[in-house]
Amino acid sequence: MNANLRLTLACLLAAAALSAAPAQARDLECKLSFNLSGWSVFYKTASGTGVVTCNDGRSLPVKITAKGGGLTFGKSKIENGTGKFAGVERIEDVLGTYVAAEAHAGAVKSSKATAMTKGDISLALAGTGKGFDIGVGFGKFVLERR
């Protein structure tokens, strides 16, 4: 076999291998900035708004609702809270219902840290604000397009 034919065959094999290989999904780095306020007396509810921004330049305004139960009592307002997503391939992936477990405590100044998941996507929230609350709550955290 001559050298030109071998080179042509090698190029064809390489092109076939590349076209058959599955595309690797690129995880986006996405963050949530939000304001959230709510109350709890065994049953917990909160609502607010936020904006998801990703490192591909896209942003998405969102409406936030959180509901659940547990051993909780209090009232709080989080302003300028932050969140970080993991496992996101498209910005629209952040929308939906997350399952949450959290611990919180505070008086006058309230601090909150929450970790939650939705399938392969996870979200870690942090924020400080005004209010009083104490307890452990479990529930759902919903992000919808605003």
C-alpha atoms as a PDB file:
ATOM      1  CA  MET A   1       0.000   0.000   0.000  1.00  0.00           C
ATOM      2  CA  ASN A   2       1.456   3.390  -0.897  1.00  0.00           C
ATOM      3  CA  ALA A   3       1.961   6.192   1.616  1.00  0.00           C
ATOM      4  CA  ASN A   4      -0.837   8.407   0.237  1.00  0.00           C
ATOM      5  CA  LEU A   5      -3.397   5.614   0.514  1.00  0.00           C
ATOM      6  CA  ARG A   6      -2.307   4.813   4.091  1.00  0.00           C
ATOM      7  CA  LEU A   7      -2.596   8.505   5.037  1.00  0.00           C
ATOM      8  CA  THR A   8      -6.063   8.744   3.460  1.00  0.00           C
ATOM      9  CA  LEU A   9      -7.260   5.628   5.296  1.00  0.00           C
ATOM     10  CA  ALA A  10      -5.833   6.895   8.609  1.00  0.00           C
ATOM     11  CA  CYS A  11      -7.651  10.232   8.166  1.00  0.00           C
ATOM     12  CA  LEU A  12     -10.930   8.460   7.339  1.00  0.00           C
ATOM     13  CA  LEU A  13     -10.613   6.192  10.403  1.00  0.00           C
ATOM     14  CA  ALA A  14      -9.845   9.156  12.663  1.00  0.00           C
ATOM     15  CA  ALA A  15     -12.829  11.108  11.311  1.00  0.00           C
ATOM     16  CA  ALA A  16     -15.123   8.103  11.821  1.00  0.00           C
ATOM     17  CA  ALA A  17     -13.902   7.633  15.387  1.00  0.00           C
ATOM     18  CA  LEU A  18     -14.465  11.297  16.224  1.00  0.00           C
ATOM     19  CA  SER A  19     -17.968  11.347  14.738  1.00  0.00           C
ATOM     20  CA  ALA A  20     -18.931   8.171  16.640  1.00  0.00           C
ATOM     21  CA  ALA A  21     -17.675   9.440  19.999  1.00  0.00           C
ATOM     22  CA  PRO A  22     -20.427  10.897  22.200  1.00  0.00           C
ATOM     23  CA  ALA A  23     -20.228  14.619  22.781  1.00  0.00           C
ATOM     24  CA  GLN A  24     -19.001  15.436  26.251  1.00  0.00           C
ATOM     25  CA  ALA A  25     -21.431  17.701  28.127  1.00  0.00           C
ATOM     26  CA  ARG A  26     -19.833  20.786  29.592  1.00  0.00           C
ATOM     27  CA  ASP A  27     -20.948  21.675  33.090  1.00  0.00           C
ATOM     28  CA  LEU A  28     -21.807  25.343  33.385  1.00  0.00           C
ATOM     29  CA  GLU A  29     -20.879  27.360  36.417  1.00  0.00           C
ATOM     30  CA  CYS A  30     -24.167  28.942  37.501  1.00  0.00           C
ATOM     31  CA  LYS A  31     -24.978  31.085  40.519  1.00  0.00           C
ATOM     32  CA  LEU A  32     -28.196  32.326  42.093  1.00  0.00           C
ATOM     33  CA  SER A  33     -28.634  35.709  43.748  1.00  0.00           C
ATOM     34  CA  PHE A  34     -31.921  35.991  45.648  1.00  0.00           C
ATOM     35  CA  ASN A  35     -34.169  37.622  48.234  1.00  0.00           C
ATOM     36  CA  LEU A  36     -36.463  35.355  50.269  1.00  0.00           C
ATOM     37  CA  SER A  37     -38.849  35.890  53.170  1.00  0.00           C
ATOM     38  CA  GLY A  38     -41.098  33.552  55.078  1.00  0.00           C
ATOM     39  CA  TRP A  39     -42.372  32.128  58.333  1.00  0.00           C
ATOM     40  CA  SER A  40     -42.746  28.769  60.032  1.00  0.00           C
ATOM     41  CA  VAL A  41     -44.757  27.226  62.838  1.00  0.00           C
ATOM     42  CA  PHE A  42     -44.133  23.511  62.222  1.00  0.00           C
ATOM     43  CA  TYR A  43     -45.147  24.165  58.598  1.00  0.00           C
ATOM     44  CA  LYS A  44     -42.707  26.363  56.754  1.00  0.00           C
ATOM     45  CA  THR A  45     -43.349  28.647  53.779  1.00  0.00           C
ATOM     46  CA  ALA A  46     -41.236  31.268  52.030  1.00  0.00           C
ATOM     47  CA  SER A  47     -41.219  33.072  48.713  1.00  0.00           C
ATOM     48  CA  GLY A  48     -38.997  35.426  46.809  1.00  0.00           C
ATOM     49  CA  THR A  49     -37.252  36.254  43.577  1.00  0.00           C
ATOM     50  CA  GLY A  50     -33.796  35.807  42.161  1.00  0.00           C
ATOM     51  CA  VAL A  51     -31.598  35.721  39.093  1.00  0.00           C
ATOM     52  CA  VAL A  52     -29.519  32.783  37.878  1.00  0.00           C
ATOM     53  CA  THR A  53     -26.360  33.750  35.984  1.00  0.00           C
ATOM     54  CA  CYS A  54     -24.008  31.339  34.230  1.00  0.00           C
ATOM     55  CA  ASN A  55     -20.455  31.639  32.955  1.00  0.00           C
ATOM     56  CA  ASP A  56     -21.713  31.361  29.348  1.00  0.00           C
ATOM     57  CA  GLY A  57     -23.178  34.890  29.737  1.00  0.00           C
ATOM     58  CA  ARG A  58     -26.833  33.851  30.048  1.00  0.00           C
ATOM     59  CA  SER A  59     -29.116  34.898  32.897  1.00  0.00           C
ATOM     60  CA  LEU A  60     -32.586  33.798  33.963  1.00  0.00           C
ATOM     61  CA  PRO A  61     -34.948  35.679  36.341  1.00  0.00           C
ATOM     62  CA  VAL A  62     -36.654  33.201  38.700  1.00  0.00           C
ATOM     63  CA  LYS A  63     -39.529  33.050  41.180  1.00  0.00           C
ATOM     64  CA  ILE A  64     -38.760  31.075  44.353  1.00  0.00           C
ATOM     65  CA  THR A  65     -41.166  29.192  46.611  1.00  0.00           C
ATOM     66  CA  ALA A  66     -40.184  26.968  49.514  1.00  0.00           C
ATOM     67  CA  LYS A  67     -42.485  24.762  51.555  1.00  0.00           C
ATOM     68  CA  GLY A  68     -42.033  22.003  54.072  1.00  0.00           C
ATOM     69  CA  GLY A  69     -42.396  20.791  57.605  1.00  0.00           C
ATOM     70  CA  GLY A  70     -40.305  19.778  60.533  1.00  0.00           C
ATOM     71  CA  LEU A  71     -39.432  21.176  63.909  1.00  0.00           C
ATOM     72  CA  THR A  72     -39.324  24.838  62.965  1.00  0.00           C
ATOM     73  CA  PHE A  73     -40.546  28.118  64.356  1.00  0.00           C
ATOM     74  CA  GLY A  74     -39.839  31.650  63.255  1.00  0.00           C
ATOM     75  CA  LYS A  75     -39.846  34.404  60.715  1.00  0.00           C
ATOM     76  CA  SER A  76     -36.971  35.522  58.537  1.00  0.00           C
ATOM     77  CA  LYS A  77     -36.050  37.657  55.569  1.00  0.00           C
ATOM     78  CA  ILE A  78     -32.943  36.928  53.528  1.00  0.00           C
ATOM     79  CA  GLU A  79     -31.609  39.738  51.340  1.00  0.00           C
ATOM     80  CA  ASN A  80     -28.753  39.344  48.869  1.00  0.00           C
ATOM     81  CA  GLY A  81     -28.566  35.584  49.377  1.00  0.00           C
ATOM     82  CA  THR A  82     -26.331  33.505  47.154  1.00  0.00           C
ATOM     83  CA  GLY A  83     -26.424  30.019  45.706  1.00  0.00           C
ATOM     84  CA  LYS A  84     -24.148  27.858  43.633  1.00  0.00           C
ATOM     85  CA  PHE A  85     -25.311  25.109  41.279  1.00  0.00           C
ATOM     86  CA  ALA A  86     -23.425  21.955  40.266  1.00  0.00           C
ATOM     87  CA  GLY A  87     -24.218  19.562  37.424  1.00  0.00           C
ATOM     88  CA  VAL A  88     -25.823  22.128  35.085  1.00  0.00           C
ATOM     89  CA  GLU A  89     -25.500  21.642  31.325  1.00  0.00           C
ATOM     90  CA  ARG A  90     -28.034  24.326  30.233  1.00  0.00           C
ATOM     91  CA  ILE A  91     -29.353  27.271  32.245  1.00  0.00           C
ATOM     92  CA  GLU A  92     -32.887  25.863  31.949  1.00  0.00           C
ATOM     93  CA  ASP A  93     -31.716  22.825  33.964  1.00  0.00           C
ATOM     94  CA  VAL A  94     -31.894  24.911  37.157  1.00  0.00           C
ATOM     95  CA  LEU A  95     -35.697  25.204  36.949  1.00  0.00           C
ATOM     96  CA  GLY A  96     -37.802  22.736  38.928  1.00  0.00           C
ATOM     97  CA  THR A  97     -38.268  21.297  42.397  1.00  0.00           C
ATOM     98  CA  TYR A  98     -35.337  20.608  44.711  1.00  0.00           C
ATOM     99  CA  VAL A  99     -35.463  18.467  47.844  1.00  0.00           C
ATOM    100  CA  ALA A 100     -33.963  20.328  50.782  1.00  0.00           C
ATOM    101  CA  ALA A 101     -32.699  19.669  54.286  1.00  0.00           C
ATOM    102  CA  GLU A 102     -31.483  22.577  56.348  1.00  0.00           C
ATOM    103  CA  ALA A 103     -30.392  23.834  59.709  1.00  0.00           C
ATOM    104  CA  HIS A 104     -30.891  27.401  60.843  1.00  0.00           C
ATOM    105  CA  ALA A 105     -30.705  29.523  63.939  1.00  0.00           C
ATOM    106  CA  GLY A 106     -30.836  33.183  64.688  1.00  0.00           C
ATOM    107  CA  ALA A 107     -32.280  36.135  66.530  1.00  0.00           C
ATOM    108  CA  VAL A 108     -32.392  39.614  64.983  1.00  0.00           C
ATOM    109  CA  LYS A 109     -29.723  38.574  62.473  1.00  0.00           C
ATOM    110  CA  SER A 110     -30.647  35.238  60.924  1.00  0.00           C
ATOM    111  CA  SER A 111     -28.238  32.921  59.109  1.00  0.00           C
ATOM    112  CA  LYS A 112     -29.253  30.120  56.814  1.00  0.00           C
ATOM    113  CA  ALA A 113     -27.372  27.386  54.938  1.00  0.00           C
ATOM    114  CA  THR A 114     -29.175  24.862  52.781  1.00  0.00           C
ATOM    115  CA  ALA A 115     -28.082  22.028  50.514  1.00  0.00           C
ATOM    116  CA  MET A 116     -30.547  20.538  48.051  1.00  0.00           C
ATOM    117  CA  THR A 117     -30.734  18.316  45.000  1.00  0.00           C
ATOM    118  CA  LYS A 118     -32.849  17.802  41.892  1.00  0.00           C
ATOM    119  CA  GLY A 119     -31.673  14.661  40.134  1.00  0.00           C
ATOM    120  CA  ASP A 120     -28.055  15.214  39.106  1.00  0.00           C
ATOM    121  CA  ILE A 121     -28.188  18.941  39.898  1.00  0.00           C
ATOM    122  CA  SER A 122     -27.335  20.282  43.337  1.00  0.00           C
ATOM    123  CA  LEU A 123     -27.738  23.731  44.836  1.00  0.00           C
ATOM    124  CA  ALA A 124     -26.040  25.156  47.912  1.00  0.00           C
ATOM    125  CA  LEU A 125     -27.595  28.334  49.368  1.00  0.00           C
ATOM    126  CA  ALA A 126     -26.274  30.766  51.932  1.00  0.00           C
ATOM    127  CA  GLY A 127     -27.654  34.005  53.260  1.00  0.00           C
ATOM    128  CA  THR A 128     -28.044  36.289  56.222  1.00  0.00           C
ATOM    129  CA  GLY A 129     -30.902  38.548  57.050  1.00  0.00           C
ATOM    130  CA  LYS A 130     -33.311  39.824  59.665  1.00  0.00           C
ATOM    131  CA  GLY A 131     -35.695  37.855  61.812  1.00  0.00           C
ATOM    132  CA  PHE A 132     -35.816  35.084  64.326  1.00  0.00           C
ATOM    133  CA  ASP A 133     -35.973  31.372  63.752  1.00  0.00           C
ATOM    134  CA  ILE A 134     -34.813  28.099  65.146  1.00  0.00           C
ATOM    135  CA  GLY A 135     -35.162  24.506  64.074  1.00  0.00           C
ATOM    136  CA  VAL A 136     -34.612  21.936  61.384  1.00  0.00           C
ATOM    137  CA  GLY A 137     -36.836  21.828  58.315  1.00  0.00           C
ATOM    138  CA  PHE A 138     -37.269  19.524  55.366  1.00  0.00           C
ATOM    139  CA  GLY A 139     -39.151  20.287  52.226  1.00  0.00           C
ATOM    140  CA  LYS A 140     -39.102  21.457  48.678  1.00  0.00           C
ATOM    141  CA  PHE A 141     -37.567  24.475  47.047  1.00  0.00           C
ATOM    142  CA  VAL A 142     -39.010  25.444  43.653  1.00  0.00           C
ATOM    143  CA  LEU A 143     -37.429  27.635  40.995  1.00  0.00           C
ATOM    144  CA  GLU A 144     -39.736  28.822  38.198  1.00  0.00           C
ATOM    145  CA  ARG A 145     -39.169  31.163  35.285  1.00  0.00           C
ATOM    146  CA  ARG A 146     -40.267  34.685  36.222  1.00  0.00           C
END
